[in-house]
């Protein structure tokens, strides 16, 4: 089938400037997948501040086109704001949602899972709704489906798509030229190295730096600025009240379906996966002895003996936090861990977070780690994000809802 012949004549066009998107051969194979997305090693440190990154944006009165630059794509020009959005991982989808374009998203990895998870938070934002259920599941997208979706922009990292091994250079170029541009950055999750062919053009960004660029693509810079101000105010409040480093708890984040295979994650590694934990400055219980994302057993957990255990995915509706706590309490080794003995096992949501989840997760983790300073986190077993007394909230929900709704 010739998909290009089937395309409507009203398709939004775009211009690409700078070097070609794809050069050279592509890496065959993928480095793996964790509970939220893609994994590998990390290096360098992402800033926890929400300072506004410099934008490369130009427009001309004649055609009203504008240009946005981000690695690895380089400069990408649009003739108008995209109205339909392809995504793979949820940090990009969450950015569209934060800017009031959640309904424009037509695809994402595990849409039903993340629809349920994101909707644990929307009840706390008056007038904000979201429905990602039933969307195209795009972990490894097909070229044919991208033609059918006919998206105005692909908020996905082309280097990450290349790493899947099922896409070659011509496939990426074809979609870029015949459908719409790629615009995304994924290897900043842990500040990983991209496939070799992309290394010379790759840069790592913080979550909110990527968000600023996506906001420019969607022509929603004012919403970005407003949300960034909310985050900056919260981070200033947190940083001004943190106890000295030697008085902070030791913490480990765990992910497991059955607590037979346990994945352990550090909280202070660089990249946007820790954008909500790194500003809190807690001590990683595992230190440098265990690589973040490695599997551990209960003996290793007891040796690390964290003061706090954060359970990744614990806020998803299909997760039973009560059962998790009971499993650890009943286990002869795990029951000796300080966090288990003291009842400090807390739910987390997702590491591939967008800006709105980042706000909520920063607040909830601050309360989980420092209840005497920021107010206690309610005992959570199921349901939406708990109601927090207004005087104990670290950011204004109504303000955020008003920004999203525009």
Protein backbone atom coordinates (compact mmCIF):
# COMPACT_ATOMS: atom_id res chain seq x y z
CA UNK A 1 0.00 0.00 0.00
CA UNK A 2 1.26 3.46 -0.83
CA UNK A 3 0.53 5.31 2.41
CA UNK A 4 1.75 8.63 1.05
CA UNK A 5 -0.97 8.60 -1.64
CA UNK A 6 -3.59 8.15 1.07
CA UNK A 7 -2.47 11.20 3.03
CA UNK A 8 -4.94 14.14 3.15
CA UNK A 9 -3.88 17.21 1.24
CA UNK A 10 -4.35 19.36 4.33
CA UNK A 11 -1.47 17.72 6.17
CA UNK A 12 0.48 20.23 8.27
CA UNK A 13 3.89 20.74 6.71
CA UNK A 14 7.17 21.53 8.40
CA UNK A 15 10.70 22.58 7.49
CA UNK A 16 13.90 20.98 8.75
CA UNK A 17 17.09 23.00 8.93
CA UNK A 18 20.65 22.11 9.85
CA UNK A 19 22.31 18.74 9.39
CA UNK A 20 20.37 15.67 8.27
CA UNK A 21 18.51 13.91 11.07
CA UNK A 22 20.10 10.53 10.49
CA UNK A 23 23.62 9.72 9.35
CA UNK A 24 25.52 6.47 9.19
CA UNK A 25 24.36 3.05 10.29
CA UNK A 26 22.11 2.42 13.27
CA UNK A 27 22.71 0.36 16.37
CA UNK A 28 21.11 -3.07 16.14
CA UNK A 29 19.42 -4.13 19.33
CA UNK A 30 18.25 -2.35 22.48
CA UNK A 31 20.00 -1.99 25.81
CA UNK A 32 16.96 -3.25 27.71
CA UNK A 33 13.81 -2.06 29.43
CA UNK A 34 12.98 -1.39 33.07
CA UNK A 35 9.64 -0.99 34.78
CA UNK A 36 9.19 2.48 33.31
CA UNK A 37 11.06 2.32 30.03
CA UNK A 38 14.65 2.05 28.84
CA UNK A 39 17.77 1.44 30.92
CA UNK A 40 21.56 1.73 30.85
CA UNK A 41 24.39 3.38 32.75
CA UNK A 42 24.54 7.08 33.63
CA UNK A 43 27.00 9.91 34.01
CA UNK A 44 27.10 13.62 34.90
CA UNK A 45 24.52 15.46 36.97
CA UNK A 46 21.23 17.13 36.06
CA UNK A 47 20.53 20.39 37.82
CA UNK A 48 17.60 20.38 40.22
CA UNK A 49 16.81 24.02 39.54
CA UNK A 50 14.01 25.07 37.26
CA UNK A 51 15.85 27.86 35.49
CA UNK A 52 14.57 28.53 32.02
CA UNK A 53 16.91 27.17 29.33
CA UNK A 54 17.75 29.38 26.41
CA UNK A 55 15.42 28.67 23.52
CA UNK A 56 16.42 28.67 19.87
CA UNK A 57 13.18 30.03 18.45
CA UNK A 58 12.72 32.21 15.42
CA UNK A 59 9.61 33.26 13.55
CA UNK A 60 9.02 35.29 10.44
CA UNK A 61 5.91 37.44 9.98
CA UNK A 62 5.57 36.27 6.37
CA UNK A 63 4.79 32.62 7.12
CA UNK A 64 4.64 32.58 10.95
CA UNK A 65 6.90 29.54 11.03
CA UNK A 66 9.12 29.06 14.06
CA UNK A 67 12.17 26.98 14.89
CA UNK A 68 13.04 25.00 18.01
CA UNK A 69 16.39 23.32 18.65
CA UNK A 70 17.14 20.29 20.77
CA UNK A 71 19.60 17.44 20.56
CA UNK A 72 19.71 15.10 18.82
CA UNK A 73 17.43 16.57 16.12
CA UNK A 74 19.04 19.96 15.81
CA UNK A 75 16.87 22.84 14.56
CA UNK A 76 13.32 21.91 13.57
CA UNK A 77 10.90 24.43 12.06
CA UNK A 78 7.10 24.25 12.24
CA UNK A 79 4.55 26.21 10.26
CA UNK A 80 2.05 26.15 13.15
CA UNK A 81 1.52 24.50 16.51
CA UNK A 82 1.02 20.71 16.22
CA UNK A 83 -2.51 19.50 16.91
CA UNK A 84 -1.91 15.74 16.96
CA UNK A 85 1.00 14.24 18.89
CA UNK A 86 2.75 10.88 18.72
CA UNK A 87 4.70 9.85 21.83
CA UNK A 88 6.54 6.74 23.03
CA UNK A 89 7.55 7.33 26.65
CA UNK A 90 5.42 9.10 29.20
CA UNK A 91 7.74 11.98 30.04
CA UNK A 92 6.89 13.41 26.62
CA UNK A 93 3.18 12.57 26.91
CA UNK A 94 3.16 14.15 30.36
CA UNK A 95 4.57 17.35 28.92
CA UNK A 96 1.75 17.59 26.40
CA UNK A 97 -0.71 16.96 29.23
CA UNK A 98 0.83 19.66 31.41
CA UNK A 99 0.42 22.16 28.58
CA UNK A 100 -3.26 21.34 28.14
CA UNK A 101 -2.71 19.10 25.11
CA UNK A 102 -3.19 15.70 26.74
CA UNK A 103 -6.08 14.89 24.40
CA UNK A 104 -3.84 15.54 21.38
CA UNK A 105 -1.68 12.53 22.28
CA UNK A 106 -2.56 9.62 19.98
CA UNK A 107 -0.05 6.99 21.12
CA UNK A 108 2.26 6.03 23.97
CA UNK A 109 3.93 3.08 25.61
CA UNK A 110 1.45 0.99 27.68
CA UNK A 111 -1.37 3.54 27.36
CA UNK A 112 -3.88 1.78 29.60
CA UNK A 113 -1.33 1.35 32.40
CA UNK A 114 -0.26 4.97 32.34
CA UNK A 115 -3.79 6.28 31.85
CA UNK A 116 -4.73 4.58 35.11
CA UNK A 117 -1.62 5.87 36.87
CA UNK A 118 -1.90 9.51 35.70
CA UNK A 119 -5.55 9.49 36.73
CA UNK A 120 -4.50 8.85 40.31
CA UNK A 121 -3.42 12.51 40.30
CA UNK A 122 -6.03 14.31 38.17
CA UNK A 123 -8.71 14.16 40.93
CA UNK A 124 -6.63 16.71 42.85
CA UNK A 125 -6.69 19.16 39.91
CA UNK A 126 -10.08 20.77 39.59
CA UNK A 127 -11.46 20.61 36.05
CA UNK A 128 -8.50 18.63 34.67
CA UNK A 129 -9.28 15.34 32.94
CA UNK A 130 -7.32 12.83 30.93
CA UNK A 131 -8.12 9.79 28.80
CA UNK A 132 -5.25 7.84 27.25
CA UNK A 133 -6.97 4.47 27.37
CA UNK A 134 -7.04 2.53 24.13
CA UNK A 135 -4.38 4.56 22.35
CA UNK A 136 -1.84 2.94 20.05
CA UNK A 137 0.82 1.22 22.19
CA UNK A 138 3.98 2.60 20.67
CA UNK A 139 6.95 1.06 22.49
CA UNK A 140 8.20 -0.28 19.13
CA UNK A 141 6.11 1.58 16.55
CA UNK A 142 5.54 0.43 13.01
CA UNK A 143 6.20 2.77 10.13
CA UNK A 144 2.81 1.90 8.64
CA UNK A 145 0.99 2.94 11.81
CA UNK A 146 2.81 6.27 11.87
CA UNK A 147 1.49 6.97 8.40
CA UNK A 148 -2.02 6.08 9.57
CA UNK A 149 -1.78 8.29 12.67
CA UNK A 150 -0.58 11.19 10.52
CA UNK A 151 0.68 13.06 13.58
CA UNK A 152 1.75 16.69 13.38
CA UNK A 153 4.81 15.95 15.50
CA UNK A 154 6.53 12.83 16.85
CA UNK A 155 7.49 13.67 20.43
CA UNK A 156 9.99 10.84 20.51
CA UNK A 157 13.75 10.63 20.46
CA UNK A 158 14.87 9.34 17.02
CA UNK A 159 18.07 8.00 18.58
CA UNK A 160 15.94 5.96 20.98
CA UNK A 161 13.82 4.66 18.11
CA UNK A 162 17.01 3.76 16.25
CA UNK A 163 18.22 1.78 19.26
CA UNK A 164 15.21 -0.54 18.97
CA UNK A 165 16.93 -2.22 16.03
CA UNK A 166 13.80 -2.51 13.91
CA UNK A 167 14.22 0.93 12.30
CA UNK A 168 16.93 1.79 9.84
CA UNK A 169 18.16 5.13 8.56
CA UNK A 170 15.78 5.26 5.65
CA UNK A 171 12.75 4.53 7.86
CA UNK A 172 13.49 7.44 10.17
CA UNK A 173 14.14 9.80 7.29
CA UNK A 174 10.99 8.68 5.50
CA UNK A 175 8.74 9.46 8.46
CA UNK A 176 10.53 12.74 9.05
CA UNK A 177 10.08 13.84 5.46
CA UNK A 178 6.62 12.41 4.67
CA UNK A 179 4.73 12.70 7.95
CA UNK A 180 6.23 15.10 10.51
CA UNK A 181 9.43 15.74 12.45
CA UNK A 182 10.88 13.85 15.37
CA UNK A 183 11.33 15.95 18.50
CA UNK A 184 12.30 14.26 21.74
CA UNK A 185 15.08 13.33 24.11
CA UNK A 186 15.13 10.05 26.02
CA UNK A 187 18.73 9.22 26.89
CA UNK A 188 18.68 12.05 29.42
CA UNK A 189 16.70 9.65 31.62
CA UNK A 190 19.98 8.51 33.18
CA UNK A 191 22.25 10.66 31.05
CA UNK A 192 23.03 7.56 29.04
CA UNK A 193 25.13 7.23 25.94
CA UNK A 194 23.03 7.02 22.76
CA UNK A 195 23.86 4.69 19.87
CA UNK A 196 27.33 5.45 18.54
CA UNK A 197 25.98 7.01 15.36
CA UNK A 198 24.19 9.67 17.42
CA UNK A 199 26.89 10.44 19.99
CA UNK A 200 28.40 13.47 18.26
CA UNK A 201 25.10 15.36 18.24
CA UNK A 202 23.65 14.26 21.58
CA UNK A 203 23.18 16.39 24.70
CA UNK A 204 21.63 15.64 28.06
CA UNK A 205 18.92 17.84 29.53
CA UNK A 206 16.95 18.09 32.73
CA UNK A 207 13.26 17.19 32.70
CA UNK A 208 12.17 20.81 32.78
CA UNK A 209 14.69 21.81 30.12
CA UNK A 210 13.10 19.31 27.74
CA UNK A 211 9.70 20.56 28.85
CA UNK A 212 10.62 24.14 27.95
CA UNK A 213 11.51 23.09 24.42
CA UNK A 214 8.35 21.01 24.00
CA UNK A 215 6.36 24.01 25.23
CA UNK A 216 7.90 26.09 22.46
CA UNK A 217 6.98 23.43 19.89
CA UNK A 218 3.38 23.55 21.11
CA UNK A 219 3.49 27.37 21.37
CA UNK A 220 2.67 27.23 25.08
CA UNK A 221 5.66 29.09 26.52
CA UNK A 222 3.52 31.04 28.99
CA UNK A 223 2.16 27.84 30.53
CA UNK A 224 5.68 26.48 30.85
CA UNK A 225 6.86 29.64 32.60
CA UNK A 226 3.94 29.50 35.03
CA UNK A 227 4.48 25.83 35.89
CA UNK A 228 8.23 26.35 36.22
CA UNK A 229 7.51 29.11 38.74
CA UNK A 230 5.37 26.71 40.78
CA UNK A 231 8.19 24.19 40.82
CA UNK A 232 10.86 26.77 41.65
CA UNK A 233 8.87 28.04 44.62
CA UNK A 234 8.43 24.48 45.91
CA UNK A 235 12.13 23.68 45.51
CA UNK A 236 13.08 26.86 47.34
CA UNK A 237 10.77 25.92 50.20
CA UNK A 238 12.26 22.43 50.36
CA UNK A 239 15.89 23.48 50.14
CA UNK A 240 15.46 26.10 52.86
CA UNK A 241 14.18 23.49 55.32
CA UNK A 242 16.30 20.40 54.62
CA UNK A 243 18.23 19.13 57.64
CA UNK A 244 22.03 18.75 57.55
CA UNK A 245 23.23 15.94 55.29
CA UNK A 246 24.25 13.68 58.17
CA UNK A 247 20.72 13.91 59.62
CA UNK A 248 18.94 12.80 56.48
CA UNK A 249 17.52 9.26 56.11
CA UNK A 250 19.05 6.49 54.04
CA UNK A 251 16.69 5.46 51.25
CA UNK A 252 16.29 2.89 48.50
CA UNK A 253 13.65 2.69 45.77
CA UNK A 254 12.48 -0.81 44.93
CA UNK A 255 10.37 -2.24 42.12
CA UNK A 256 9.03 -5.78 42.13
CA UNK A 257 5.90 -7.64 41.16
CA UNK A 258 6.35 -10.49 43.60
CA UNK A 259 9.36 -9.53 45.74
CA UNK A 260 11.28 -12.48 44.40
CA UNK A 261 13.04 -10.42 41.73
CA UNK A 262 13.74 -7.03 43.29
CA UNK A 263 15.05 -4.08 41.27
CA UNK A 264 16.79 -1.38 43.29
CA UNK A 265 17.22 2.23 42.20
CA UNK A 266 19.33 4.99 43.67
CA UNK A 267 17.80 8.39 44.29
CA UNK A 268 20.67 10.69 43.42
CA UNK A 269 21.91 9.41 40.05
CA UNK A 270 21.90 11.98 37.23
CA UNK A 271 19.06 12.19 34.73
CA UNK A 272 15.39 13.07 34.79
CA UNK A 273 14.30 9.76 36.36
CA UNK A 274 15.43 11.19 39.71
CA UNK A 275 14.12 14.71 39.14
CA UNK A 276 11.79 14.34 42.13
CA UNK A 277 14.20 12.65 44.54
CA UNK A 278 17.57 14.28 43.89
CA UNK A 279 16.49 17.75 45.19
CA UNK A 280 15.63 16.13 48.53
CA UNK A 281 19.24 15.16 49.19
CA UNK A 282 18.57 11.85 50.93
CA UNK A 283 21.38 9.36 51.39
CA UNK A 284 21.30 6.38 49.03
CA UNK A 285 21.32 3.28 51.20
CA UNK A 286 23.07 1.16 48.59
CA UNK A 287 25.88 3.63 48.03
CA UNK A 288 28.11 2.79 45.10
CA UNK A 289 28.08 -0.93 45.82
CA UNK A 290 25.00 -1.66 43.71
CA UNK A 291 24.34 -0.12 40.30
CA UNK A 292 20.97 1.58 40.02
CA UNK A 293 18.53 -0.78 38.31
CA UNK A 294 20.32 -3.94 39.45
CA UNK A 295 18.49 -6.85 41.04
CA UNK A 296 19.11 -7.49 44.72
CA UNK A 297 17.98 -10.01 47.32
CA UNK A 298 16.72 -9.45 50.84
CA UNK A 299 20.14 -10.15 52.30
CA UNK A 300 21.57 -7.24 50.30
CA UNK A 301 18.65 -5.07 51.40
CA UNK A 302 19.28 -5.93 55.05
CA UNK A 303 22.98 -5.19 54.70
CA UNK A 304 22.11 -1.74 53.30
CA UNK A 305 19.42 -1.38 55.99
CA UNK A 306 17.62 1.69 54.62
CA UNK A 307 15.58 3.95 56.88
CA UNK A 308 13.01 4.35 54.09
CA UNK A 309 11.83 2.10 51.25
CA UNK A 310 10.07 3.70 48.28
CA UNK A 311 7.97 1.24 46.28
CA UNK A 312 7.98 2.17 42.59
CA UNK A 313 4.57 1.84 40.95
CA UNK A 314 2.91 1.63 44.35
CA UNK A 315 0.29 4.22 43.41
CA UNK A 316 -0.98 2.29 40.40
CA UNK A 317 -4.54 1.00 40.91
CA UNK A 318 -3.42 -2.60 40.32
CA UNK A 319 -0.79 -2.44 43.08
CA UNK A 320 -1.71 -3.54 46.60
CA UNK A 321 0.50 -1.55 48.96
CA UNK A 322 -0.99 -3.34 51.95
CA UNK A 323 0.12 -6.67 50.51
CA UNK A 324 3.60 -5.32 49.80
CA UNK A 325 4.00 -4.16 53.37
CA UNK A 326 2.73 -7.47 54.68
CA UNK A 327 5.07 -9.44 52.40
CA UNK A 328 8.07 -7.57 53.73
CA UNK A 329 6.90 -7.77 57.34
CA UNK A 330 6.37 -11.53 57.11
CA UNK A 331 9.72 -12.29 55.48
CA UNK A 332 12.35 -13.51 58.01
CA UNK A 333 15.11 -11.35 56.49
CA UNK A 334 13.21 -8.33 55.16
CA UNK A 335 11.41 -7.94 58.49
CA UNK A 336 14.73 -6.98 60.07
CA UNK A 337 15.25 -3.99 57.78
CA UNK A 338 14.83 -0.69 59.64
CA UNK A 339 12.34 0.70 57.13
CA UNK A 340 10.16 -2.40 57.52
CA UNK A 341 10.39 -2.47 61.32
CA UNK A 342 9.48 1.22 61.52
CA UNK A 343 6.68 1.09 58.97
CA UNK A 344 8.41 3.44 56.52
CA UNK A 345 7.44 1.75 53.24
CA UNK A 346 5.90 4.28 50.89
CA UNK A 347 4.27 4.25 47.46
CA UNK A 348 5.79 5.99 44.46
CA UNK A 349 4.29 6.49 40.99
CA UNK A 350 6.54 6.52 37.92
CA UNK A 351 10.07 7.57 37.08
CA UNK A 352 9.27 8.50 33.46
CA UNK A 353 7.31 11.41 34.84
CA UNK A 354 6.06 14.51 33.17
CA UNK A 355 6.02 17.92 34.88
CA UNK A 356 2.72 17.44 36.74
CA UNK A 357 3.73 14.09 38.22
CA UNK A 358 7.06 15.68 39.04
CA UNK A 359 5.30 18.31 41.16
CA UNK A 360 3.20 15.73 43.01
CA UNK A 361 6.03 13.25 43.43
CA UNK A 362 8.41 15.88 44.77
CA UNK A 363 5.82 16.86 47.36
CA UNK A 364 4.94 13.30 48.34
CA UNK A 365 8.57 12.22 48.61
CA UNK A 366 9.44 15.25 50.73
CA UNK A 367 6.71 14.19 53.14
CA UNK A 368 7.77 10.55 53.05
CA UNK A 369 11.39 11.37 53.85
CA UNK A 370 10.94 14.36 56.18
CA UNK A 371 7.50 14.11 57.83
CA UNK A 372 8.56 16.24 60.80
CA UNK A 373 9.42 19.11 58.46
CA UNK A 374 6.93 18.94 55.60
CA UNK A 375 4.01 17.15 57.24
CA UNK A 376 3.37 13.42 57.32
CA UNK A 377 2.40 11.40 54.28
CA UNK A 378 -0.89 9.54 54.91
CA UNK A 379 -0.75 5.76 55.12
CA UNK A 380 -1.55 4.87 51.54
CA UNK A 381 -2.89 1.54 50.27
CA UNK A 382 -5.03 2.44 47.25
CA UNK A 383 -6.98 5.19 45.53
CA UNK A 384 -6.01 8.60 44.15
CA UNK A 385 -3.35 10.91 45.52
CA UNK A 386 -4.44 11.57 49.11
CA UNK A 387 -6.03 14.81 50.17
CA UNK A 388 -3.39 16.95 51.88
CA UNK A 389 -4.46 19.80 54.22
CA UNK A 390 -4.04 23.11 52.43
CA UNK A 391 -1.55 24.35 54.99
CA UNK A 392 0.66 21.30 54.37
CA UNK A 393 0.61 21.40 50.57
CA UNK A 394 3.92 22.29 48.96
CA UNK A 395 2.27 23.68 45.83
CA UNK A 396 -1.11 25.18 44.96
CA UNK A 397 -3.32 22.63 43.17
CA UNK A 398 -5.78 25.23 41.89
CA UNK A 399 -2.97 27.31 40.45
CA UNK A 400 -1.66 24.27 38.56
CA UNK A 401 -5.13 23.29 37.34
CA UNK A 402 -5.76 26.83 36.08
CA UNK A 403 -2.47 26.76 34.16
CA UNK A 404 -3.26 23.42 32.51
CA UNK A 405 -6.77 24.50 31.59
CA UNK A 406 -5.44 27.77 30.22
